[in-house]
């Protein structure tokens, strides 16, 4: 938590320093980040749907599904990608919050 305090203080210092002239830049960056976030959200919901469909298929046709070449690689790939996207989403959300807090 000490590290977090230091990080927060650094952020606050940076914010104080840049408050004056950067609101236009902040708005531009904020817009860019929000666009990125909604793209990530779309990809997350697509992947979640894909994975859910596969899960249903697995519960019905388990043997058939696992007999497909590369089945597990693809399935695991989707789950890994989803985990990655979740991290990206969190990072973006934090950045957006930080920027929004400058106002």
Protein backbone atom coordinates (compact mmCIF):
# COMPACT_ATOMS: atom_id res chain seq x y z
CA UNK A 1 0.00 0.00 0.00
CA UNK A 2 3.02 2.29 0.47
CA UNK A 3 3.74 1.94 -3.22
CA UNK A 4 0.16 2.88 -4.04
CA UNK A 5 0.43 5.99 -1.85
CA UNK A 6 3.58 7.04 -3.64
CA UNK A 7 1.95 6.43 -7.01
CA UNK A 8 -1.10 8.42 -5.98
CA UNK A 9 0.99 11.33 -4.77
CA UNK A 10 2.95 11.34 -8.01
CA UNK A 11 -0.30 11.33 -9.99
CA UNK A 12 -1.69 14.19 -7.93
CA UNK A 13 1.47 16.21 -8.45
CA UNK A 14 1.35 15.60 -12.17
CA UNK A 15 -2.33 16.54 -12.23
CA UNK A 16 -1.75 19.78 -10.31
CA UNK A 17 1.07 20.73 -12.62
CA UNK A 18 -0.78 20.01 -15.83
CA UNK A 19 -4.23 21.20 -14.81
CA UNK A 20 -3.95 24.57 -16.49
CA UNK A 21 -3.30 23.91 -20.14
CA UNK A 22 -4.12 20.30 -20.67
CA UNK A 23 -7.89 20.13 -20.41
CA UNK A 24 -8.27 20.10 -24.20
CA UNK A 25 -5.61 17.39 -24.48
CA UNK A 26 -7.30 15.52 -21.65
CA UNK A 27 -10.65 15.69 -23.42
CA UNK A 28 -9.08 14.37 -26.61
CA UNK A 29 -7.31 11.58 -24.75
CA UNK A 30 -10.44 10.80 -22.77
CA UNK A 31 -12.45 10.43 -25.97
CA UNK A 32 -9.78 8.16 -27.44
CA UNK A 33 -9.68 6.02 -24.30
CA UNK A 34 -13.47 5.75 -24.17
CA UNK A 35 -13.58 4.62 -27.80
CA UNK A 36 -10.93 2.04 -27.03
CA UNK A 37 -12.87 0.92 -23.97
CA UNK A 38 -16.08 0.37 -25.91
CA UNK A 39 -14.19 -1.64 -28.54
CA UNK A 40 -12.72 -3.78 -25.77
CA UNK A 41 -16.18 -4.19 -24.21
CA UNK A 42 -17.61 -5.33 -27.54
CA UNK A 43 -14.82 -7.86 -27.98
CA UNK A 44 -15.29 -9.08 -24.41
CA UNK A 45 -19.01 -9.69 -24.89
CA UNK A 46 -18.41 -11.43 -28.24
CA UNK A 47 -15.82 -13.70 -26.65
CA UNK A 48 -18.00 -14.39 -23.63
CA UNK A 49 -20.81 -15.40 -25.96
CA UNK A 50 -18.47 -17.64 -28.00
CA UNK A 51 -17.16 -19.32 -24.88
CA UNK A 52 -20.67 -19.78 -23.49
CA UNK A 53 -21.76 -21.39 -26.75
CA UNK A 54 -18.79 -23.74 -26.67
CA UNK A 55 -19.57 -24.59 -23.04
CA UNK A 56 -23.12 -25.53 -24.02
CA UNK A 57 -21.85 -27.60 -26.96
CA UNK A 58 -19.40 -29.31 -24.62
CA UNK A 59 -22.17 -30.25 -22.22
CA UNK A 60 -24.14 -31.78 -25.08
CA UNK A 61 -21.56 -33.17 -27.51
CA UNK A 62 -18.45 -33.47 -25.40
CA UNK A 63 -16.79 -36.30 -27.36
CA UNK A 64 -17.53 -34.73 -30.73
CA UNK A 65 -16.23 -31.35 -29.61
CA UNK A 66 -12.95 -32.59 -28.17
CA UNK A 67 -12.39 -34.73 -31.26
CA UNK A 68 -12.04 -31.55 -33.34
CA UNK A 69 -8.46 -30.76 -34.27
CA UNK A 70 -7.06 -27.89 -32.17
CA UNK A 71 -10.26 -27.75 -30.15
CA UNK A 72 -8.59 -27.18 -26.80
CA UNK A 73 -6.02 -24.76 -28.22
CA UNK A 74 -8.77 -22.62 -29.72
CA UNK A 75 -10.91 -22.84 -26.61
CA UNK A 76 -8.03 -22.00 -24.30
CA UNK A 77 -6.95 -19.28 -26.70
CA UNK A 78 -10.33 -17.63 -26.35
CA UNK A 79 -10.18 -17.82 -22.58
CA UNK A 80 -6.65 -16.38 -22.53
CA UNK A 81 -7.70 -13.58 -24.85
CA UNK A 82 -10.67 -12.87 -22.60
CA UNK A 83 -8.43 -12.65 -19.53
CA UNK A 84 -6.12 -10.29 -21.45
CA UNK A 85 -9.04 -8.11 -22.49
CA UNK A 86 -10.31 -7.95 -18.92
CA UNK A 87 -6.93 -6.61 -17.82
CA UNK A 88 -6.93 -4.09 -20.65
CA UNK A 89 -10.45 -3.06 -19.67
CA UNK A 90 -9.40 -2.48 -16.06
CA UNK A 91 -6.35 -0.47 -17.07
CA UNK A 92 -8.39 1.68 -19.45
CA UNK A 93 -11.11 2.23 -16.84
CA UNK A 94 -8.52 3.40 -14.34
CA UNK A 95 -6.96 5.77 -16.86
CA UNK A 96 -10.38 7.19 -17.69
CA UNK A 97 -11.21 7.63 -14.01
CA UNK A 98 -7.90 9.37 -13.38
CA UNK A 99 -8.44 11.72 -16.30
CA UNK A 100 -12.05 12.38 -15.39
CA UNK A 101 -10.98 13.25 -11.86
CA UNK A 102 -8.82 16.11 -13.15
CA UNK A 103 -11.88 18.32 -13.68
